[in-house]
Amino acid sequence: MKKSIARGIAAILLVCGLLVLISTMNELSKPEYDPILNIAFIGTKDDADCIVIWQSDFAMMIDTGEQQDASAILEFLEEQEIRELDYMILTHPDKDHIGSAAEIVHEINVHTAIQPYYQKASDTLDILNTRLTQGNVKVVIPNRALQYYFDDVRIYVYPPQEKHYVDDNNYSLGVLIKHGDINLFFPGDAEEKRLTEMLELDLPQTALLKLSHHGRYHDASARMLTQLAPMYGIVTSGEVSTRLNAVCEEIGTQLYFTAGYTVRFTSDGKSIQPFPNQ
C-alpha cells in the first residue's frame, strides 16, 4: 500500500516537473519583446492594398493585394521571418484587397480573419472562404467596433454602420492602430458616405493615413486629411488626385506611393520614421 502511494506521489512529481520544464522552454523560445512597431505597405503590380504591421511577437495584415501579388507578399513575410499572422483584416471583398488571401492562408498560419458582413459574389471570395474553413481560421464579422491588444499596440476595427450601400467600397472596415502616442488609420476603399461615417468616430490626429480608394478624390477624403492632419500619407497607387495633392501640400503631409515599390515605417511609440534608404 505504502509503495503504491509512493509511486503515485513520484508520478505526480514527475508530471509536475515536466510541466514546469515545458513552460520554461516555451518562455525561453518566445522572442524578446521589441517596442519597435514596423509598418510596411507592400509594393503591388497595380493599384492594390497590402499592409503588414508587426513586432517581434506579433504580426497582422490589412488586405492582401491581388492574386498576382501573392509571391511578392510571401517573399516579404519570409524575409522578415513572419511565420504566422495574429490577424488578417480584409477591409472589403474586392479582388485588389483579397486577391492573395487564399494563398497566404494556405502558406502560413493565420489565427483570425476579420471581414465585413458584405459577401460579394466572386470565385476569389469563394476560394478564400473555403481556405479559411480548411485552415481552421477563426472568422470574425463585426457588427460593432472591436478592440484588440498586443503589448503596447491597440487595434480598433470599425464596421460599416448601414446594411446596404449603393457603392460596394462603402462596406469597407476602418482600422485604427495606436502605438503609444502614434496613431495610424486605414479606411480601405471607403467613398463619400462611408468616409463621412468614419469622420463621425472622433478619430485622433494621426501620424500616418492610408488615403482611401487609392488616392481618388472625394469631398470627405479632403475633410479626412484636414481633420486627421497626418504627417505621412500613403497612396496605394502610382498617382493621387490633384485636389488631394493640393490638400496634402497645404497641411504639410508627405506622400508615398506603393505602385511597384514597398514603403516602410517604424514607430517607437513616440515618433514615426520612414525606413532608412527609401
C-alpha atoms as a PDB file:
ATOM      1  CA  MET A   1       0.000   0.000   0.000  1.00  0.00           C
ATOM      2  CA  LYS A   2       2.781   2.402   1.005  1.00  0.00           C
ATOM      3  CA  LYS A   3       4.692   1.516  -2.186  1.00  0.00           C
ATOM      4  CA  SER A   4       1.611   2.310  -4.295  1.00  0.00           C
ATOM      5  CA  ILE A   5       1.213   5.684  -2.586  1.00  0.00           C
ATOM      6  CA  ALA A   6       4.913   6.424  -3.060  1.00  0.00           C
ATOM      7  CA  ARG A   7       4.738   5.514  -6.758  1.00  0.00           C
ATOM      8  CA  GLY A   8       1.671   7.737  -7.126  1.00  0.00           C
ATOM      9  CA  ILE A   9       3.430  10.668  -5.497  1.00  0.00           C
ATOM     10  CA  ALA A  10       6.504  10.096  -7.654  1.00  0.00           C
ATOM     11  CA  ALA A  11       4.362  10.052 -10.795  1.00  0.00           C
ATOM     12  CA  ILE A  12       2.662  13.310  -9.786  1.00  0.00           C
ATOM     13  CA  LEU A  13       6.022  14.954  -9.091  1.00  0.00           C
ATOM     14  CA  LEU A  14       7.331  13.749 -12.447  1.00  0.00           C
ATOM     15  CA  VAL A  15       4.336  15.202 -14.306  1.00  0.00           C
ATOM     16  CA  CYS A  16       4.671  18.498 -12.418  1.00  0.00           C
ATOM     17  CA  GLY A  17       8.349  18.621 -13.244  1.00  0.00           C
ATOM     18  CA  LEU A  18       7.650  18.021 -16.919  1.00  0.00           C
ATOM     19  CA  LEU A  19       5.012  20.764 -16.962  1.00  0.00           C
ATOM     20  CA  VAL A  20       7.432  23.216 -15.364  1.00  0.00           C
ATOM     21  CA  LEU A  21      10.114  22.230 -17.885  1.00  0.00           C
ATOM     22  CA  ILE A  22       7.735  22.679 -20.846  1.00  0.00           C
ATOM     23  CA  SER A  23       6.571  26.028 -19.513  1.00  0.00           C
ATOM     24  CA  THR A  24      10.169  27.193 -19.048  1.00  0.00           C
ATOM     25  CA  MET A  25      11.123  26.051 -22.553  1.00  0.00           C
ATOM     26  CA  ASN A  26       8.122  27.881 -24.022  1.00  0.00           C
ATOM     27  CA  GLU A  27       9.099  31.071 -22.224  1.00  0.00           C
ATOM     28  CA  LEU A  28      12.688  30.767 -23.413  1.00  0.00           C
ATOM     29  CA  SER A  29      11.551  30.174 -27.004  1.00  0.00           C
ATOM     30  CA  LYS A  30       9.457  33.361 -27.070  1.00  0.00           C
ATOM     31  CA  PRO A  31      11.193  36.238 -28.872  1.00  0.00           C
ATOM     32  CA  GLU A  32      12.365  39.077 -26.658  1.00  0.00           C
ATOM     33  CA  TYR A  33       9.850  41.925 -26.688  1.00  0.00           C
ATOM     34  CA  ASP A  34      10.834  44.705 -29.065  1.00  0.00           C
ATOM     35  CA  PRO A  35       8.966  48.016 -28.631  1.00  0.00           C
ATOM     36  CA  ILE A  36       9.534  48.998 -32.266  1.00  0.00           C
ATOM     37  CA  LEU A  37       6.452  48.671 -34.464  1.00  0.00           C
ATOM     38  CA  ASN A  38       7.089  48.023 -38.148  1.00  0.00           C
ATOM     39  CA  ILE A  39       4.642  49.106 -40.847  1.00  0.00           C
ATOM     40  CA  ALA A  40       5.078  48.043 -44.474  1.00  0.00           C
ATOM     41  CA  PHE A  41       2.918  48.876 -47.472  1.00  0.00           C
ATOM     42  CA  ILE A  42       3.792  46.126 -49.924  1.00  0.00           C
ATOM     43  CA  GLY A  43       4.564  47.286 -53.441  1.00  0.00           C
ATOM     44  CA  THR A  44       1.917  45.760 -55.727  1.00  0.00           C
ATOM     45  CA  LYS A  45       1.914  45.401 -59.501  1.00  0.00           C
ATOM     46  CA  ASP A  46      -1.216  47.518 -59.917  1.00  0.00           C
ATOM     47  CA  ASP A  47      -3.421  49.599 -57.612  1.00  0.00           C
ATOM     48  CA  ALA A  48      -3.942  47.277 -54.639  1.00  0.00           C
ATOM     49  CA  ASP A  49      -3.671  47.276 -50.846  1.00  0.00           C
ATOM     50  CA  CYS A  50      -1.498  45.088 -48.647  1.00  0.00           C
ATOM     51  CA  ILE A  51      -0.201  46.359 -45.326  1.00  0.00           C
ATOM     52  CA  VAL A  52       1.899  44.306 -42.894  1.00  0.00           C
ATOM     53  CA  ILE A  53       2.293  45.502 -39.296  1.00  0.00           C
ATOM     54  CA  TRP A  54       4.486  43.631 -36.843  1.00  0.00           C
ATOM     55  CA  GLN A  55       6.687  43.460 -33.776  1.00  0.00           C
ATOM     56  CA  SER A  56       8.912  40.602 -32.659  1.00  0.00           C
ATOM     57  CA  ASP A  57       5.993  38.706 -31.089  1.00  0.00           C
ATOM     58  CA  PHE A  58       3.018  39.987 -33.075  1.00  0.00           C
ATOM     59  CA  ALA A  59       2.034  40.341 -36.742  1.00  0.00           C
ATOM     60  CA  MET A  60      -1.051  41.359 -38.677  1.00  0.00           C
ATOM     61  CA  MET A  61      -2.027  42.138 -42.252  1.00  0.00           C
ATOM     62  CA  ILE A  62      -4.582  44.573 -43.607  1.00  0.00           C
ATOM     63  CA  ASP A  63      -5.707  43.422 -47.069  1.00  0.00           C
ATOM     64  CA  THR A  64      -3.692  41.165 -49.334  1.00  0.00           C
ATOM     65  CA  GLY A  65      -3.335  42.770 -52.763  1.00  0.00           C
ATOM     66  CA  GLU A  66      -4.299  40.948 -55.950  1.00  0.00           C
ATOM     67  CA  GLN A  67      -3.599  37.308 -56.736  1.00  0.00           C
ATOM     68  CA  GLN A  68      -0.630  38.358 -58.873  1.00  0.00           C
ATOM     69  CA  ASP A  69       0.985  39.889 -55.769  1.00  0.00           C
ATOM     70  CA  ALA A  70       0.992  36.682 -53.697  1.00  0.00           C
ATOM     71  CA  SER A  71       4.598  35.656 -54.374  1.00  0.00           C
ATOM     72  CA  ALA A  72       5.957  39.122 -53.506  1.00  0.00           C
ATOM     73  CA  ILE A  73       3.914  39.240 -50.289  1.00  0.00           C
ATOM     74  CA  LEU A  74       5.006  35.765 -49.184  1.00  0.00           C
ATOM     75  CA  GLU A  75       8.618  36.588 -50.037  1.00  0.00           C
ATOM     76  CA  PHE A  76       8.420  39.702 -47.874  1.00  0.00           C
ATOM     77  CA  LEU A  77       6.968  37.717 -44.954  1.00  0.00           C
ATOM     78  CA  GLU A  78       9.767  35.182 -45.284  1.00  0.00           C
ATOM     79  CA  GLU A  79      12.419  37.906 -45.370  1.00  0.00           C
ATOM     80  CA  GLN A  80      11.012  39.383 -42.153  1.00  0.00           C
ATOM     81  CA  GLU A  81      10.713  35.904 -40.585  1.00  0.00           C
ATOM     82  CA  ILE A  82       6.960  36.357 -40.144  1.00  0.00           C
ATOM     83  CA  ARG A  83       5.651  32.786 -39.983  1.00  0.00           C
ATOM     84  CA  GLU A  84       2.148  33.483 -38.715  1.00  0.00           C
ATOM     85  CA  LEU A  85      -0.395  36.279 -38.583  1.00  0.00           C
ATOM     86  CA  ASP A  86      -2.376  37.010 -35.461  1.00  0.00           C
ATOM     87  CA  TYR A  87      -4.905  38.947 -37.545  1.00  0.00           C
ATOM     88  CA  MET A  88      -5.740  39.232 -41.217  1.00  0.00           C
ATOM     89  CA  ILE A  89      -8.125  42.140 -41.701  1.00  0.00           C
ATOM     90  CA  LEU A  90      -9.857  42.178 -45.084  1.00  0.00           C
ATOM     91  CA  THR A  91     -11.463  45.592 -45.396  1.00  0.00           C
ATOM     92  CA  HIS A  92     -13.832  44.565 -48.218  1.00  0.00           C
ATOM     93  CA  PRO A  93     -14.031  41.725 -50.757  1.00  0.00           C
ATOM     94  CA  ASP A  94     -12.733  43.401 -53.941  1.00  0.00           C
ATOM     95  CA  LYS A  95     -10.041  41.412 -55.721  1.00  0.00           C
ATOM     96  CA  ASP A  96      -7.405  44.131 -55.187  1.00  0.00           C
ATOM     97  CA  HIS A  97      -7.860  43.678 -51.429  1.00  0.00           C
ATOM     98  CA  ILE A  98      -8.401  39.917 -51.015  1.00  0.00           C
ATOM     99  CA  GLY A  99      -6.743  38.523 -54.152  1.00  0.00           C
ATOM    100  CA  SER A 100      -3.795  36.855 -52.389  1.00  0.00           C
ATOM    101  CA  ALA A 101      -5.589  35.976 -49.160  1.00  0.00           C
ATOM    102  CA  ALA A 102      -6.349  32.340 -50.038  1.00  0.00           C
ATOM    103  CA  GLU A 103      -2.727  31.616 -50.938  1.00  0.00           C
ATOM    104  CA  ILE A 104      -1.414  33.371 -47.827  1.00  0.00           C
ATOM    105  CA  VAL A 105      -3.795  31.362 -45.619  1.00  0.00           C
ATOM    106  CA  HIS A 106      -2.601  28.206 -47.382  1.00  0.00           C
ATOM    107  CA  GLU A 107       1.091  29.019 -46.858  1.00  0.00           C
ATOM    108  CA  ILE A 108       1.242  30.438 -43.326  1.00  0.00           C
ATOM    109  CA  ASN A 109      -0.718  30.144 -40.100  1.00  0.00           C
ATOM    110  CA  VAL A 110      -3.447  32.770 -39.726  1.00  0.00           C
ATOM    111  CA  HIS A 111      -5.203  32.859 -36.349  1.00  0.00           C
ATOM    112  CA  THR A 112      -8.101  35.256 -37.002  1.00  0.00           C
ATOM    113  CA  ALA A 113      -9.587  36.724 -40.166  1.00  0.00           C
ATOM    114  CA  ILE A 114     -11.809  39.803 -39.853  1.00  0.00           C
ATOM    115  CA  GLN A 115     -14.221  40.587 -42.695  1.00  0.00           C
ATOM    116  CA  PRO A 116     -17.206  42.895 -43.256  1.00  0.00           C
ATOM    117  CA  TYR A 117     -20.650  41.308 -43.428  1.00  0.00           C
ATOM    118  CA  TYR A 118     -20.873  42.104 -47.152  1.00  0.00           C
ATOM    119  CA  GLN A 119     -20.009  38.961 -49.126  1.00  0.00           C
ATOM    120  CA  LYS A 120     -19.564  39.900 -52.767  1.00  0.00           C
ATOM    121  CA  ALA A 121     -20.298  37.023 -55.149  1.00  0.00           C
ATOM    122  CA  SER A 122     -16.953  36.009 -56.684  1.00  0.00           C
ATOM    123  CA  ASP A 123     -14.776  32.948 -57.220  1.00  0.00           C
ATOM    124  CA  THR A 124     -11.966  34.699 -55.332  1.00  0.00           C
ATOM    125  CA  LEU A 125     -14.092  35.058 -52.206  1.00  0.00           C
ATOM    126  CA  ASP A 126     -15.474  31.521 -52.510  1.00  0.00           C
ATOM    127  CA  ILE A 127     -11.961  30.064 -52.660  1.00  0.00           C
ATOM    128  CA  LEU A 128     -10.859  32.221 -49.739  1.00  0.00           C
ATOM    129  CA  ASN A 129     -13.767  31.168 -47.535  1.00  0.00           C
ATOM    130  CA  THR A 130     -13.028  27.520 -48.322  1.00  0.00           C
ATOM    131  CA  ARG A 131      -9.376  28.010 -47.350  1.00  0.00           C
ATOM    132  CA  LEU A 132     -10.356  29.744 -44.115  1.00  0.00           C
ATOM    133  CA  THR A 133     -12.529  26.769 -43.202  1.00  0.00           C
ATOM    134  CA  GLN A 134      -9.867  24.235 -44.167  1.00  0.00           C
ATOM    135  CA  GLY A 135      -7.248  26.122 -42.155  1.00  0.00           C
ATOM    136  CA  ASN A 136      -9.470  26.327 -39.065  1.00  0.00           C
ATOM    137  CA  VAL A 137      -9.087  30.101 -39.127  1.00  0.00           C
ATOM    138  CA  LYS A 138     -11.363  31.954 -36.736  1.00  0.00           C
ATOM    139  CA  VAL A 139     -13.559  34.291 -38.804  1.00  0.00           C
ATOM    140  CA  VAL A 140     -14.936  37.444 -37.196  1.00  0.00           C
ATOM    141  CA  ILE A 141     -17.624  39.549 -38.891  1.00  0.00           C
ATOM    142  CA  PRO A 142     -18.070  42.591 -36.652  1.00  0.00           C
ATOM    143  CA  ASN A 143     -21.402  44.326 -36.159  1.00  0.00           C
ATOM    144  CA  ARG A 144     -19.899  46.808 -33.710  1.00  0.00           C
ATOM    145  CA  ALA A 145     -16.493  48.322 -33.079  1.00  0.00           C
ATOM    146  CA  LEU A 146     -13.883  45.777 -31.953  1.00  0.00           C
ATOM    147  CA  GLN A 147     -10.759  46.269 -29.849  1.00  0.00           C
ATOM    148  CA  TYR A 148      -7.671  44.066 -29.708  1.00  0.00           C
ATOM    149  CA  TYR A 149      -4.492  44.493 -27.663  1.00  0.00           C
ATOM    150  CA  PHE A 150      -0.941  43.240 -28.136  1.00  0.00           C
ATOM    151  CA  ASP A 151       1.669  44.576 -25.731  1.00  0.00           C
ATOM    152  CA  ASP A 152       1.565  48.346 -26.364  1.00  0.00           C
ATOM    153  CA  VAL A 153      -0.391  48.078 -29.636  1.00  0.00           C
ATOM    154  CA  ARG A 154      -4.134  48.733 -29.660  1.00  0.00           C
ATOM    155  CA  ILE A 155      -6.233  47.809 -32.699  1.00  0.00           C
ATOM    156  CA  TYR A 156      -9.713  49.183 -33.350  1.00  0.00           C
ATOM    157  CA  VAL A 157     -11.886  47.821 -36.157  1.00  0.00           C
ATOM    158  CA  TYR A 158     -14.924  49.848 -37.248  1.00  0.00           C
ATOM    159  CA  PRO A 159     -17.608  48.101 -39.334  1.00  0.00           C
ATOM    160  CA  PRO A 160     -19.962  49.918 -41.732  1.00  0.00           C
ATOM    161  CA  GLN A 161     -22.962  51.429 -39.977  1.00  0.00           C
ATOM    162  CA  GLU A 162     -25.612  50.593 -42.563  1.00  0.00           C
ATOM    163  CA  LYS A 163     -26.792  47.330 -44.093  1.00  0.00           C
ATOM    164  CA  HIS A 164     -26.983  48.434 -47.719  1.00  0.00           C
ATOM    165  CA  TYR A 165     -24.826  50.811 -49.737  1.00  0.00           C
ATOM    166  CA  VAL A 166     -25.006  51.739 -53.411  1.00  0.00           C
ATOM    167  CA  ASP A 167     -21.197  51.611 -53.770  1.00  0.00           C
ATOM    168  CA  ASP A 168     -19.517  48.346 -52.737  1.00  0.00           C
ATOM    169  CA  ASN A 169     -16.482  50.233 -51.427  1.00  0.00           C
ATOM    170  CA  ASN A 170     -18.617  51.728 -48.667  1.00  0.00           C
ATOM    171  CA  TYR A 171     -18.716  48.351 -46.911  1.00  0.00           C
ATOM    172  CA  SER A 172     -15.027  48.909 -46.053  1.00  0.00           C
ATOM    173  CA  LEU A 173     -13.888  48.291 -42.498  1.00  0.00           C
ATOM    174  CA  GLY A 174     -11.969  51.146 -40.915  1.00  0.00           C
ATOM    175  CA  VAL A 175      -8.881  50.246 -38.880  1.00  0.00           C
ATOM    176  CA  LEU A 176      -7.239  52.484 -36.279  1.00  0.00           C
ATOM    177  CA  ILE A 177      -3.954  51.389 -34.715  1.00  0.00           C
ATOM    178  CA  LYS A 178      -2.496  53.111 -31.682  1.00  0.00           C
ATOM    179  CA  HIS A 179       1.123  52.574 -30.692  1.00  0.00           C
ATOM    180  CA  GLY A 180       1.881  54.763 -27.728  1.00  0.00           C
ATOM    181  CA  ASP A 181       1.397  58.327 -28.947  1.00  0.00           C
ATOM    182  CA  ILE A 182       1.415  57.278 -32.607  1.00  0.00           C
ATOM    183  CA  ASN A 183      -1.897  56.782 -34.428  1.00  0.00           C
ATOM    184  CA  LEU A 184      -2.344  55.103 -37.810  1.00  0.00           C
ATOM    185  CA  PHE A 185      -5.587  54.967 -39.783  1.00  0.00           C
ATOM    186  CA  PHE A 186      -6.623  52.709 -42.684  1.00  0.00           C
ATOM    187  CA  PRO A 187     -10.028  53.380 -44.323  1.00  0.00           C
ATOM    188  CA  GLY A 188      -9.912  50.706 -47.039  1.00  0.00           C
ATOM    189  CA  ASP A 189     -11.593  51.979 -50.205  1.00  0.00           C
ATOM    190  CA  ALA A 190     -14.306  53.950 -48.408  1.00  0.00           C
ATOM    191  CA  GLU A 191     -16.062  56.515 -50.551  1.00  0.00           C
ATOM    192  CA  GLU A 192     -18.071  59.621 -49.625  1.00  0.00           C
ATOM    193  CA  LYS A 193     -20.797  58.068 -47.460  1.00  0.00           C
ATOM    194  CA  ARG A 194     -18.554  55.687 -45.558  1.00  0.00           C
ATOM    195  CA  LEU A 195     -15.786  58.259 -45.111  1.00  0.00           C
ATOM    196  CA  THR A 196     -18.371  60.582 -43.590  1.00  0.00           C
ATOM    197  CA  GLU A 197     -19.305  57.814 -41.127  1.00  0.00           C
ATOM    198  CA  MET A 198     -15.645  57.400 -40.199  1.00  0.00           C
ATOM    199  CA  LEU A 199     -15.213  61.115 -39.639  1.00  0.00           C
ATOM    200  CA  GLU A 200     -18.025  60.946 -37.077  1.00  0.00           C
ATOM    201  CA  LEU A 201     -15.961  58.493 -34.985  1.00  0.00           C
ATOM    202  CA  ASP A 202     -13.985  61.346 -33.414  1.00  0.00           C
ATOM    203  CA  LEU A 203     -10.719  59.866 -34.640  1.00  0.00           C
ATOM    204  CA  PRO A 204      -7.491  61.192 -33.121  1.00  0.00           C
ATOM    205  CA  GLN A 205      -4.935  63.135 -35.093  1.00  0.00           C
ATOM    206  CA  THR A 206      -2.877  60.572 -36.978  1.00  0.00           C
ATOM    207  CA  ALA A 207       0.787  60.360 -37.804  1.00  0.00           C
ATOM    208  CA  LEU A 208       0.076  58.149 -40.820  1.00  0.00           C
ATOM    209  CA  LEU A 209      -3.014  57.842 -43.026  1.00  0.00           C
ATOM    210  CA  LYS A 210      -3.612  55.491 -45.920  1.00  0.00           C
ATOM    211  CA  LEU A 211      -5.559  57.589 -48.397  1.00  0.00           C
ATOM    212  CA  SER A 212      -8.837  55.923 -49.231  1.00  0.00           C
ATOM    213  CA  HIS A 213      -9.697  54.453 -52.631  1.00  0.00           C
ATOM    214  CA  HIS A 214      -6.141  54.605 -53.987  1.00  0.00           C
ATOM    215  CA  GLY A 215      -5.955  58.378 -53.754  1.00  0.00           C
ATOM    216  CA  ARG A 216      -9.095  59.192 -55.742  1.00  0.00           C
ATOM    217  CA  TYR A 217     -10.856  62.394 -54.774  1.00  0.00           C
ATOM    218  CA  HIS A 218     -13.934  62.533 -52.569  1.00  0.00           C
ATOM    219  CA  ASP A 219     -15.017  65.592 -50.622  1.00  0.00           C
ATOM    220  CA  ALA A 220     -14.839  63.503 -47.460  1.00  0.00           C
ATOM    221  CA  SER A 221     -11.276  62.403 -48.352  1.00  0.00           C
ATOM    222  CA  ALA A 222     -10.209  66.033 -48.284  1.00  0.00           C
ATOM    223  CA  ARG A 223     -12.045  66.558 -44.994  1.00  0.00           C
ATOM    224  CA  MET A 224     -10.362  63.462 -43.518  1.00  0.00           C
ATOM    225  CA  LEU A 225      -6.931  64.751 -44.487  1.00  0.00           C
ATOM    226  CA  THR A 226      -7.656  68.140 -42.948  1.00  0.00           C
ATOM    227  CA  GLN A 227      -9.173  66.661 -39.765  1.00  0.00           C
ATOM    228  CA  LEU A 228      -6.531  63.990 -39.135  1.00  0.00           C
ATOM    229  CA  ALA A 229      -3.600  66.117 -40.394  1.00  0.00           C
ATOM    230  CA  PRO A 230      -1.237  63.178 -40.948  1.00  0.00           C
ATOM    231  CA  MET A 231       2.495  63.617 -41.171  1.00  0.00           C
ATOM    232  CA  TYR A 232       2.595  60.867 -43.810  1.00  0.00           C
ATOM    233  CA  GLY A 233       0.006  59.853 -46.386  1.00  0.00           C
ATOM    234  CA  ILE A 234       0.193  56.565 -48.279  1.00  0.00           C
ATOM    235  CA  VAL A 235      -1.315  56.161 -51.738  1.00  0.00           C
ATOM    236  CA  THR A 236      -1.709  52.548 -52.886  1.00  0.00           C
ATOM    237  CA  SER A 237      -1.281  53.621 -56.486  1.00  0.00           C
ATOM    238  CA  GLY A 238       1.221  55.478 -58.636  1.00  0.00           C
ATOM    239  CA  GLU A 239      -0.596  58.808 -58.504  1.00  0.00           C
ATOM    240  CA  VAL A 240      -3.028  60.848 -56.437  1.00  0.00           C
ATOM    241  CA  SER A 241      -5.856  63.222 -57.270  1.00  0.00           C
ATOM    242  CA  THR A 242      -4.537  66.717 -57.933  1.00  0.00           C
ATOM    243  CA  ARG A 243      -7.065  68.139 -55.456  1.00  0.00           C
ATOM    244  CA  LEU A 244      -5.963  65.761 -52.691  1.00  0.00           C
ATOM    245  CA  ASN A 245      -2.351  66.537 -53.520  1.00  0.00           C
ATOM    246  CA  ALA A 246      -3.108  70.215 -53.033  1.00  0.00           C
ATOM    247  CA  VAL A 247      -4.643  69.494 -49.611  1.00  0.00           C
ATOM    248  CA  CYS A 248      -1.547  67.497 -48.620  1.00  0.00           C
ATOM    249  CA  GLU A 249       0.729  70.359 -49.662  1.00  0.00           C
ATOM    250  CA  GLU A 250      -1.376  72.811 -47.678  1.00  0.00           C
ATOM    251  CA  ILE A 251      -1.281  70.812 -44.423  1.00  0.00           C
ATOM    252  CA  GLY A 252       2.286  69.500 -44.877  1.00  0.00           C
ATOM    253  CA  THR A 253       1.503  65.810 -45.430  1.00  0.00           C
ATOM    254  CA  GLN A 254       4.315  63.930 -47.170  1.00  0.00           C
ATOM    255  CA  LEU A 255       3.000  61.429 -49.704  1.00  0.00           C
ATOM    256  CA  TYR A 256       4.402  57.988 -50.541  1.00  0.00           C
ATOM    257  CA  PHE A 257       3.254  55.763 -53.410  1.00  0.00           C
ATOM    258  CA  THR A 258       3.266  51.956 -53.422  1.00  0.00           C
ATOM    259  CA  ALA A 259       2.794  51.014 -57.098  1.00  0.00           C
ATOM    260  CA  GLY A 260       5.687  48.584 -57.594  1.00  0.00           C
ATOM    261  CA  TYR A 261       7.528  49.807 -54.515  1.00  0.00           C
ATOM    262  CA  THR A 262       7.305  48.747 -50.864  1.00  0.00           C
ATOM    263  CA  VAL A 263       7.131  51.641 -48.399  1.00  0.00           C
ATOM    264  CA  ARG A 264       8.121  51.060 -44.771  1.00  0.00           C
ATOM    265  CA  PHE A 265       7.957  52.960 -41.496  1.00  0.00           C
ATOM    266  CA  THR A 266       8.994  52.301 -37.911  1.00  0.00           C
ATOM    267  CA  SER A 267       7.401  53.638 -34.730  1.00  0.00           C
ATOM    268  CA  ASP A 268       8.836  53.664 -31.220  1.00  0.00           C
ATOM    269  CA  GLY A 269       5.537  54.855 -29.769  1.00  0.00           C
ATOM    270  CA  LYS A 270       6.690  58.471 -29.583  1.00  0.00           C
ATOM    271  CA  SER A 271       7.714  59.169 -33.166  1.00  0.00           C
ATOM    272  CA  ILE A 272       7.381  57.513 -36.560  1.00  0.00           C
ATOM    273  CA  GLN A 273      10.046  57.485 -39.245  1.00  0.00           C
ATOM    274  CA  PRO A 274      10.330  56.248 -42.838  1.00  0.00           C
ATOM    275  CA  PHE A 275      12.525  53.173 -43.045  1.00  0.00           C
ATOM    276  CA  PRO A 276      16.155  54.109 -43.894  1.00  0.00           C
ATOM    277  CA  ASN A 277      17.175  54.269 -47.542  1.00  0.00           C
ATOM    278  CA  GLN A 278      13.718  54.720 -49.051  1.00  0.00           C
END
